[in-house]
Amino acid sequence: MQDVHLGTDNVKFRKEKYSSASTGKTYLAPLPAGYGGEYGPKVKTYGLLLAPVGNMTEPKIADWLRNLGIVISSGQIWRLLEQGQERLQEEKEAIVEAGLASSPWQQLDATGTRVEGENQHGHVLCNPLYTAYSTTPGKDRMTVIDVLGNHRERIFRLNEEA
């Protein structure tokens, strides 16, 4: 039998605090990995998951979390989704690099999408070993080259073979 449990888990952390007479500084133990601010890693994960997978807007994600007992605003959802995602972007770029190196061929498809009320293009770059998604304003030849090159600086070779 499979089941799922959704609910709040309020955690009170007690952190050690030390003072050094020789340096005149105070040292405070860090929080466990993933914790910071008002929300734990699971709230952050749900927010990051529900936006693209559940196709939910920030207000709807806030409503869903509030129904679970989490005190959160739409603005806080925006911060969870938009701020501090550099590590995820770096991880995505590394996955694309590994995927590009994993096979002598790649498949690319694009479809129209809307981002903040503007027409954009969602690109799916893949082979049997990985799939990567990116969104760009266009889908012209140069954009396709950018997606296939993992958005690296363009370098062109102009010689007889090219």
N, C-alpha and C. Protein backbone atom coordinates (compact mmCIF):
# COMPACT_ATOMS: atom_id res chain seq x y z
N MET A 1 0.85 -1.17 0.00
CA MET A 1 0.00 0.00 0.00
C MET A 1 0.89 1.24 0.00
N GLN A 2 0.56 2.19 -0.85
CA GLN A 2 1.29 3.45 -0.90
C GLN A 2 0.42 4.56 -0.35
N ASP A 3 1.06 5.53 0.26
CA ASP A 3 0.35 6.67 0.82
C ASP A 3 1.28 7.86 0.82
N VAL A 4 0.75 9.02 1.07
CA VAL A 4 1.57 10.22 1.13
C VAL A 4 1.13 11.01 2.36
N HIS A 5 2.08 11.70 2.98
CA HIS A 5 1.77 12.53 4.14
C HIS A 5 2.19 13.95 3.84
N LEU A 6 1.25 14.87 3.91
CA LEU A 6 1.54 16.28 3.71
C LEU A 6 1.06 17.03 4.95
N GLY A 7 1.92 17.84 5.50
CA GLY A 7 1.55 18.63 6.66
C GLY A 7 2.73 19.47 7.10
N THR A 8 2.52 20.27 8.12
CA THR A 8 3.60 21.12 8.60
C THR A 8 4.49 20.37 9.58
N ASP A 9 5.69 20.84 9.69
CA ASP A 9 6.66 20.28 10.64
C ASP A 9 7.46 21.46 11.17
N ASN A 10 6.98 22.05 12.26
CA ASN A 10 7.67 23.19 12.85
C ASN A 10 8.85 22.69 13.67
N VAL A 11 10.03 23.17 13.33
CA VAL A 11 11.26 22.71 13.97
C VAL A 11 11.90 23.85 14.73
N LYS A 12 12.28 23.59 15.96
CA LYS A 12 13.00 24.59 16.74
C LYS A 12 14.45 24.13 16.84
N PHE A 13 15.35 24.95 16.31
CA PHE A 13 16.76 24.62 16.37
C PHE A 13 17.40 25.28 17.57
N ARG A 14 18.23 24.54 18.26
CA ARG A 14 19.04 25.10 19.34
C ARG A 14 20.48 25.04 18.87
N LYS A 15 21.06 26.23 18.70
CA LYS A 15 22.42 26.30 18.16
C LYS A 15 23.39 26.71 19.26
N GLU A 16 24.52 26.04 19.27
CA GLU A 16 25.57 26.38 20.24
C GLU A 16 26.15 27.75 19.89
N LYS A 17 26.49 28.50 20.93
CA LYS A 17 27.07 29.83 20.75
C LYS A 17 28.28 29.94 21.68
N TYR A 18 29.41 30.32 21.12
CA TYR A 18 30.64 30.43 21.89
C TYR A 18 31.24 31.81 21.71
N SER A 19 31.88 32.27 22.77
CA SER A 19 32.59 33.55 22.72
C SER A 19 34.06 33.28 22.96
N SER A 20 34.89 34.00 22.23
CA SER A 20 36.33 33.88 22.39
C SER A 20 36.88 35.16 23.00
N ALA A 21 37.45 35.03 24.20
CA ALA A 21 38.01 36.20 24.87
C ALA A 21 39.24 36.72 24.14
N SER A 22 40.01 35.79 23.54
CA SER A 22 41.25 36.20 22.87
C SER A 22 40.99 36.98 21.58
N THR A 23 39.94 36.62 20.85
CA THR A 23 39.65 37.32 19.59
C THR A 23 38.54 38.36 19.76
N GLY A 24 37.78 38.24 20.83
CA GLY A 24 36.66 39.16 21.04
C GLY A 24 35.49 38.88 20.12
N LYS A 25 35.45 37.69 19.52
CA LYS A 25 34.38 37.33 18.60
C LYS A 25 33.45 36.30 19.22
N THR A 26 32.23 36.26 18.68
CA THR A 26 31.24 35.26 19.07
C THR A 26 31.01 34.33 17.88
N TYR A 27 30.93 33.05 18.16
CA TYR A 27 30.74 32.04 17.11
C TYR A 27 29.41 31.32 17.34
N LEU A 28 28.61 31.24 16.29
CA LEU A 28 27.30 30.60 16.36
C LEU A 28 27.28 29.42 15.39
N ALA A 29 26.84 28.27 15.87
CA ALA A 29 26.79 27.07 15.03
C ALA A 29 25.84 27.29 13.86
N PRO A 30 26.15 26.73 12.69
CA PRO A 30 25.27 26.91 11.53
C PRO A 30 24.04 26.00 11.61
N LEU A 31 23.04 26.34 10.83
CA LEU A 31 21.87 25.47 10.68
C LEU A 31 22.24 24.27 9.81
N PRO A 32 21.49 23.18 9.90
CA PRO A 32 21.75 22.05 9.01
C PRO A 32 21.60 22.46 7.54
N ALA A 33 22.22 21.70 6.67
CA ALA A 33 22.16 21.99 5.23
C ALA A 33 20.72 22.04 4.75
N GLY A 34 20.41 23.03 3.91
CA GLY A 34 19.08 23.17 3.34
C GLY A 34 18.17 24.10 4.11
N TYR A 35 18.52 24.39 5.35
CA TYR A 35 17.69 25.27 6.17
C TYR A 35 18.25 26.68 6.13
N GLY A 36 17.36 27.65 6.10
CA GLY A 36 17.75 29.05 6.10
C GLY A 36 16.51 29.88 5.86
N GLY A 37 16.41 31.01 6.50
CA GLY A 37 15.20 31.80 6.39
C GLY A 37 14.09 31.16 7.19
N GLU A 38 12.87 31.35 6.72
CA GLU A 38 11.71 30.86 7.47
C GLU A 38 11.23 29.48 7.03
N TYR A 39 11.77 28.95 5.93
CA TYR A 39 11.21 27.74 5.36
C TYR A 39 12.28 26.68 5.19
N GLY A 40 11.89 25.45 5.46
CA GLY A 40 12.80 24.32 5.33
C GLY A 40 12.92 23.85 3.89
N PRO A 41 13.77 22.87 3.68
CA PRO A 41 14.04 22.40 2.31
C PRO A 41 12.83 21.78 1.62
N LYS A 42 11.91 21.19 2.36
CA LYS A 42 10.75 20.56 1.71
C LYS A 42 9.79 21.61 1.15
N VAL A 43 9.58 22.71 1.89
CA VAL A 43 8.72 23.79 1.37
C VAL A 43 9.34 24.35 0.10
N LYS A 44 10.65 24.55 0.12
CA LYS A 44 11.34 25.08 -1.06
C LYS A 44 11.22 24.10 -2.23
N THR A 45 11.38 22.83 -1.96
CA THR A 45 11.29 21.81 -3.01
C THR A 45 9.90 21.76 -3.61
N TYR A 46 8.86 21.79 -2.76
CA TYR A 46 7.50 21.78 -3.28
C TYR A 46 7.24 22.99 -4.16
N GLY A 47 7.70 24.16 -3.74
CA GLY A 47 7.52 25.36 -4.55
C GLY A 47 8.18 25.23 -5.90
N LEU A 48 9.42 24.73 -5.90
CA LEU A 48 10.16 24.56 -7.16
C LEU A 48 9.54 23.48 -8.04
N LEU A 49 8.88 22.51 -7.44
CA LEU A 49 8.27 21.41 -8.19
C LEU A 49 6.91 21.80 -8.76
N LEU A 50 6.10 22.49 -7.96
CA LEU A 50 4.73 22.77 -8.38
C LEU A 50 4.64 23.77 -9.51
N ALA A 51 5.59 24.69 -9.62
CA ALA A 51 5.52 25.69 -10.68
C ALA A 51 5.62 25.04 -12.06
N PRO A 52 6.71 24.31 -12.38
CA PRO A 52 6.78 23.75 -13.74
C PRO A 52 5.99 22.46 -13.92
N VAL A 53 6.00 21.58 -12.93
CA VAL A 53 5.35 20.27 -13.09
C VAL A 53 3.84 20.39 -12.92
N GLY A 54 3.40 21.14 -11.91
CA GLY A 54 1.98 21.31 -11.67
C GLY A 54 1.38 22.46 -12.45
N ASN A 55 2.24 23.20 -13.17
CA ASN A 55 1.81 24.36 -13.96
C ASN A 55 1.01 25.33 -13.09
N MET A 56 1.52 25.54 -11.85
CA MET A 56 0.82 26.38 -10.89
C MET A 56 1.47 27.76 -10.82
N THR A 57 0.64 28.79 -10.68
CA THR A 57 1.13 30.15 -10.51
C THR A 57 1.59 30.34 -9.06
N GLU A 58 2.31 31.43 -8.83
CA GLU A 58 2.78 31.71 -7.48
C GLU A 58 1.63 31.84 -6.48
N PRO A 59 0.54 32.56 -6.81
CA PRO A 59 -0.58 32.62 -5.86
C PRO A 59 -1.20 31.25 -5.59
N LYS A 60 -1.27 30.39 -6.60
CA LYS A 60 -1.86 29.06 -6.40
C LYS A 60 -0.93 28.19 -5.53
N ILE A 61 0.38 28.32 -5.73
CA ILE A 61 1.32 27.58 -4.87
C ILE A 61 1.17 28.07 -3.43
N ALA A 62 1.05 29.38 -3.25
CA ALA A 62 0.86 29.94 -1.90
C ALA A 62 -0.44 29.40 -1.29
N ASP A 63 -1.52 29.35 -2.06
CA ASP A 63 -2.79 28.79 -1.56
C ASP A 63 -2.62 27.34 -1.14
N TRP A 64 -1.95 26.56 -1.97
CA TRP A 64 -1.76 25.13 -1.68
C TRP A 64 -0.97 24.95 -0.39
N LEU A 65 0.13 25.71 -0.23
CA LEU A 65 0.92 25.61 0.99
C LEU A 65 0.13 26.09 2.21
N ARG A 66 -0.65 27.16 2.04
CA ARG A 66 -1.47 27.66 3.15
C ARG A 66 -2.48 26.60 3.60
N ASN A 67 -3.04 25.87 2.64
CA ASN A 67 -3.98 24.80 2.99
C ASN A 67 -3.32 23.69 3.80
N LEU A 68 -2.01 23.57 3.67
CA LEU A 68 -1.26 22.59 4.48
C LEU A 68 -0.89 23.15 5.85
N GLY A 69 -1.14 24.46 6.06
CA GLY A 69 -0.81 25.06 7.35
C GLY A 69 0.44 25.91 7.34
N ILE A 70 1.05 26.14 6.18
CA ILE A 70 2.24 26.96 6.06
C ILE A 70 1.81 28.42 5.94
N VAL A 71 2.41 29.29 6.73
CA VAL A 71 2.12 30.72 6.64
C VAL A 71 3.09 31.31 5.62
N ILE A 72 2.57 31.69 4.44
CA ILE A 72 3.43 32.15 3.35
C ILE A 72 2.63 33.06 2.42
N SER A 73 3.31 34.02 1.81
CA SER A 73 2.67 34.93 0.86
C SER A 73 3.11 34.61 -0.56
N SER A 74 2.41 35.17 -1.54
CA SER A 74 2.82 35.00 -2.94
C SER A 74 4.20 35.59 -3.18
N GLY A 75 4.50 36.69 -2.51
CA GLY A 75 5.82 37.30 -2.64
C GLY A 75 6.92 36.39 -2.14
N GLN A 76 6.65 35.66 -1.05
CA GLN A 76 7.63 34.72 -0.54
C GLN A 76 7.81 33.54 -1.50
N ILE A 77 6.73 33.15 -2.16
CA ILE A 77 6.83 32.10 -3.19
C ILE A 77 7.74 32.59 -4.31
N TRP A 78 7.56 33.83 -4.74
CA TRP A 78 8.41 34.39 -5.79
C TRP A 78 9.88 34.31 -5.38
N ARG A 79 10.19 34.69 -4.13
CA ARG A 79 11.58 34.63 -3.67
C ARG A 79 12.11 33.20 -3.68
N LEU A 80 11.28 32.23 -3.28
CA LEU A 80 11.71 30.83 -3.31
C LEU A 80 12.02 30.38 -4.73
N LEU A 81 11.19 30.83 -5.70
CA LEU A 81 11.35 30.39 -7.08
C LEU A 81 12.47 31.12 -7.81
N GLU A 82 12.69 32.39 -7.49
CA GLU A 82 13.58 33.21 -8.29
C GLU A 82 14.95 33.48 -7.67
N GLN A 83 15.03 33.52 -6.36
CA GLN A 83 16.29 33.91 -5.74
C GLN A 83 17.07 32.70 -5.26
N GLY A 84 18.38 32.80 -5.38
CA GLY A 84 19.26 31.75 -4.86
C GLY A 84 19.26 30.47 -5.67
N GLN A 85 18.92 30.56 -6.95
CA GLN A 85 18.87 29.36 -7.78
C GLN A 85 20.14 29.17 -8.61
N GLU A 86 21.21 29.90 -8.27
CA GLU A 86 22.44 29.81 -9.05
C GLU A 86 22.99 28.39 -9.05
N ARG A 87 22.92 27.71 -7.90
CA ARG A 87 23.43 26.35 -7.81
C ARG A 87 22.66 25.41 -8.73
N LEU A 88 21.33 25.59 -8.82
CA LEU A 88 20.54 24.75 -9.72
C LEU A 88 20.89 25.03 -11.18
N GLN A 89 21.14 26.29 -11.51
CA GLN A 89 21.52 26.65 -12.88
C GLN A 89 22.87 26.02 -13.22
N GLU A 90 23.82 26.08 -12.30
CA GLU A 90 25.13 25.46 -12.53
C GLU A 90 24.98 23.96 -12.72
N GLU A 91 24.12 23.33 -11.92
CA GLU A 91 23.90 21.89 -12.04
C GLU A 91 23.27 21.56 -13.40
N LYS A 92 22.31 22.38 -13.84
CA LYS A 92 21.68 22.16 -15.14
C LYS A 92 22.71 22.26 -16.26
N GLU A 93 23.57 23.28 -16.19
CA GLU A 93 24.61 23.45 -17.22
C GLU A 93 25.55 22.26 -17.24
N ALA A 94 25.90 21.72 -16.08
CA ALA A 94 26.77 20.54 -16.02
C ALA A 94 26.07 19.31 -16.60
N ILE A 95 24.78 19.17 -16.36
CA ILE A 95 24.03 18.04 -16.92
C ILE A 95 24.00 18.14 -18.44
N VAL A 96 23.77 19.34 -18.97
CA VAL A 96 23.75 19.52 -20.43
C VAL A 96 25.12 19.20 -21.01
N GLU A 97 26.19 19.67 -20.38
CA GLU A 97 27.54 19.39 -20.88
C GLU A 97 27.79 17.88 -20.91
N ALA A 98 27.42 17.18 -19.84
CA ALA A 98 27.59 15.72 -19.80
C ALA A 98 26.72 15.06 -20.86
N GLY A 99 25.50 15.56 -21.05
CA GLY A 99 24.61 15.00 -22.07
C GLY A 99 25.14 15.19 -23.47
N LEU A 100 25.68 16.38 -23.74
CA LEU A 100 26.25 16.65 -25.06
C LEU A 100 27.44 15.74 -25.34
N ALA A 101 28.22 15.45 -24.29
CA ALA A 101 29.40 14.60 -24.46
C ALA A 101 29.03 13.11 -24.49
N SER A 102 27.80 12.76 -24.10
CA SER A 102 27.43 11.36 -23.95
C SER A 102 27.07 10.66 -25.25
N SER A 103 26.85 11.43 -26.32
CA SER A 103 26.37 10.83 -27.56
C SER A 103 26.83 11.68 -28.74
N PRO A 104 27.08 11.06 -29.88
CA PRO A 104 27.47 11.83 -31.05
C PRO A 104 26.29 12.57 -31.69
N TRP A 105 25.07 12.32 -31.22
CA TRP A 105 23.91 13.01 -31.78
C TRP A 105 23.03 13.53 -30.66
N GLN A 106 22.29 14.58 -30.99
CA GLN A 106 21.35 15.20 -30.06
C GLN A 106 20.04 15.42 -30.81
N GLN A 107 18.96 15.49 -30.09
CA GLN A 107 17.67 15.82 -30.68
C GLN A 107 17.20 17.12 -30.05
N LEU A 108 16.64 17.99 -30.86
CA LEU A 108 16.16 19.28 -30.37
C LEU A 108 14.77 19.54 -30.91
N ASP A 109 13.87 19.95 -30.04
CA ASP A 109 12.52 20.31 -30.45
C ASP A 109 12.15 21.60 -29.75
N ALA A 110 11.29 22.38 -30.36
CA ALA A 110 10.86 23.64 -29.76
C ALA A 110 9.35 23.77 -29.90
N THR A 111 8.75 24.40 -28.91
CA THR A 111 7.32 24.66 -28.95
C THR A 111 7.05 26.02 -28.34
N GLY A 112 6.00 26.65 -28.77
CA GLY A 112 5.65 27.96 -28.24
C GLY A 112 5.17 27.88 -26.81
N THR A 113 5.50 28.90 -26.03
CA THR A 113 5.04 28.99 -24.65
C THR A 113 4.93 30.46 -24.29
N ARG A 114 4.27 30.75 -23.18
CA ARG A 114 4.16 32.13 -22.73
C ARG A 114 4.88 32.27 -21.40
N VAL A 115 5.67 33.33 -21.29
CA VAL A 115 6.39 33.64 -20.06
C VAL A 115 6.05 35.07 -19.69
N GLU A 116 5.42 35.24 -18.55
CA GLU A 116 5.00 36.56 -18.08
C GLU A 116 4.25 37.33 -19.17
N GLY A 117 3.35 36.63 -19.87
CA GLY A 117 2.51 37.26 -20.88
C GLY A 117 3.18 37.47 -22.22
N GLU A 118 4.43 37.06 -22.38
CA GLU A 118 5.17 37.23 -23.63
C GLU A 118 5.35 35.88 -24.32
N ASN A 119 5.26 35.88 -25.66
CA ASN A 119 5.51 34.66 -26.41
C ASN A 119 6.99 34.30 -26.35
N GLN A 120 7.28 33.06 -26.03
CA GLN A 120 8.64 32.54 -25.96
C GLN A 120 8.64 31.16 -26.63
N HIS A 121 9.80 30.52 -26.60
CA HIS A 121 9.93 29.18 -27.17
C HIS A 121 10.62 28.27 -26.16
N GLY A 122 9.96 27.15 -25.86
CA GLY A 122 10.54 26.15 -24.98
C GLY A 122 11.29 25.14 -25.82
N HIS A 123 12.57 24.94 -25.53
CA HIS A 123 13.42 24.01 -26.28
C HIS A 123 13.67 22.77 -25.44
N VAL A 124 13.55 21.61 -26.06
CA VAL A 124 13.84 20.35 -25.41
C VAL A 124 15.04 19.76 -26.14
N LEU A 125 16.16 19.66 -25.45
CA LEU A 125 17.40 19.09 -25.99
C LEU A 125 17.61 17.75 -25.31
N CYS A 126 17.81 16.68 -26.11
CA CYS A 126 17.90 15.37 -25.46
C CYS A 126 18.59 14.35 -26.36
N ASN A 127 18.91 13.23 -25.75
CA ASN A 127 19.26 11.98 -26.39
C ASN A 127 18.77 10.90 -25.42
N PRO A 128 19.00 9.63 -25.65
CA PRO A 128 18.45 8.62 -24.72
C PRO A 128 18.99 8.72 -23.29
N LEU A 129 20.04 9.51 -23.06
CA LEU A 129 20.65 9.55 -21.73
C LEU A 129 20.30 10.78 -20.90
N TYR A 130 19.72 11.81 -21.49
CA TYR A 130 19.37 13.01 -20.72
C TYR A 130 18.33 13.82 -21.47
N THR A 131 17.72 14.74 -20.77
CA THR A 131 16.80 15.71 -21.35
C THR A 131 17.02 17.04 -20.64
N ALA A 132 17.13 18.11 -21.40
CA ALA A 132 17.32 19.44 -20.82
C ALA A 132 16.34 20.40 -21.48
N TYR A 133 15.85 21.33 -20.70
CA TYR A 133 14.87 22.30 -21.17
C TYR A 133 15.44 23.70 -21.04
N SER A 134 15.13 24.55 -22.01
CA SER A 134 15.48 25.97 -21.89
C SER A 134 14.41 26.77 -22.62
N THR A 135 14.26 28.01 -22.20
CA THR A 135 13.26 28.90 -22.79
C THR A 135 13.97 30.13 -23.33
N THR A 136 13.67 30.47 -24.58
CA THR A 136 14.30 31.62 -25.23
C THR A 136 13.22 32.45 -25.94
N PRO A 137 13.54 33.72 -26.22
CA PRO A 137 12.57 34.55 -26.95
C PRO A 137 12.35 34.10 -28.39
N GLY A 138 13.32 33.44 -29.00
CA GLY A 138 13.19 33.05 -30.40
C GLY A 138 13.55 31.61 -30.63
N LYS A 139 13.40 31.19 -31.89
CA LYS A 139 13.85 29.85 -32.27
C LYS A 139 14.50 29.89 -33.66
N ASP A 140 15.20 30.99 -33.92
CA ASP A 140 15.90 31.13 -35.18
C ASP A 140 17.19 30.29 -35.15
N ARG A 141 17.92 30.30 -36.25
CA ARG A 141 19.13 29.48 -36.39
C ARG A 141 20.15 29.76 -35.29
N MET A 142 20.38 31.03 -34.95
CA MET A 142 21.37 31.36 -33.93
C MET A 142 20.93 30.89 -32.55
N THR A 143 19.64 30.95 -32.28
CA THR A 143 19.13 30.46 -31.00
C THR A 143 19.32 28.96 -30.90
N VAL A 144 19.06 28.24 -31.99
CA VAL A 144 19.26 26.79 -32.01
C VAL A 144 20.73 26.46 -31.76
N ILE A 145 21.63 27.21 -32.35
CA ILE A 145 23.06 27.01 -32.11
C ILE A 145 23.38 27.27 -30.64
N ASP A 146 22.79 28.31 -30.06
CA ASP A 146 23.01 28.60 -28.64
C ASP A 146 22.52 27.46 -27.76
N VAL A 147 21.34 26.93 -28.03
CA VAL A 147 20.80 25.83 -27.22
C VAL A 147 21.68 24.60 -27.37
N LEU A 148 22.08 24.28 -28.60
CA LEU A 148 22.94 23.11 -28.82
C LEU A 148 24.33 23.29 -28.20
N GLY A 149 24.74 24.53 -28.01
CA GLY A 149 26.04 24.81 -27.39
C GLY A 149 25.95 25.13 -25.92
N ASN A 150 24.80 24.83 -25.29
CA ASN A 150 24.59 25.08 -23.86
C ASN A 150 24.77 26.55 -23.52
N HIS A 151 24.40 27.41 -24.44
CA HIS A 151 24.44 28.87 -24.26
C HIS A 151 25.85 29.41 -23.99
N ARG A 152 26.85 28.66 -24.47
CA ARG A 152 28.23 29.15 -24.37
C ARG A 152 28.43 30.26 -25.40
N GLU A 153 29.53 30.97 -25.28
CA GLU A 153 29.87 31.98 -26.27
C GLU A 153 30.02 31.30 -27.63
N ARG A 154 29.46 31.91 -28.65
CA ARG A 154 29.53 31.32 -29.99
C ARG A 154 30.94 31.43 -30.54
N ILE A 155 31.44 30.32 -31.08
CA ILE A 155 32.74 30.29 -31.75
C ILE A 155 32.50 29.63 -33.10
N PHE A 156 32.83 30.34 -34.16
CA PHE A 156 32.62 29.81 -35.50
C PHE A 156 33.96 29.54 -36.16
N ARG A 157 33.99 28.49 -36.92
CA ARG A 157 35.19 28.14 -37.67
C ARG A 157 34.93 28.46 -39.13
N LEU A 158 35.79 29.27 -39.71
CA LEU A 158 35.65 29.62 -41.11
C LEU A 158 36.89 29.11 -41.83
N ASN A 159 36.74 27.96 -42.45
CA ASN A 159 37.82 27.38 -43.24
C ASN A 159 37.21 26.64 -44.43
N GLU A 160 38.01 25.98 -45.21
CA GLU A 160 37.53 25.33 -46.41
C GLU A 160 36.54 24.21 -46.07
N GLU A 161 36.80 23.46 -45.00
CA GLU A 161 35.91 22.36 -44.61
C GLU A 161 34.54 22.90 -44.17
N ALA A 162 34.53 23.99 -43.45
CA ALA A 162 33.27 24.56 -42.97
C ALA A 162 32.47 25.06 -44.15
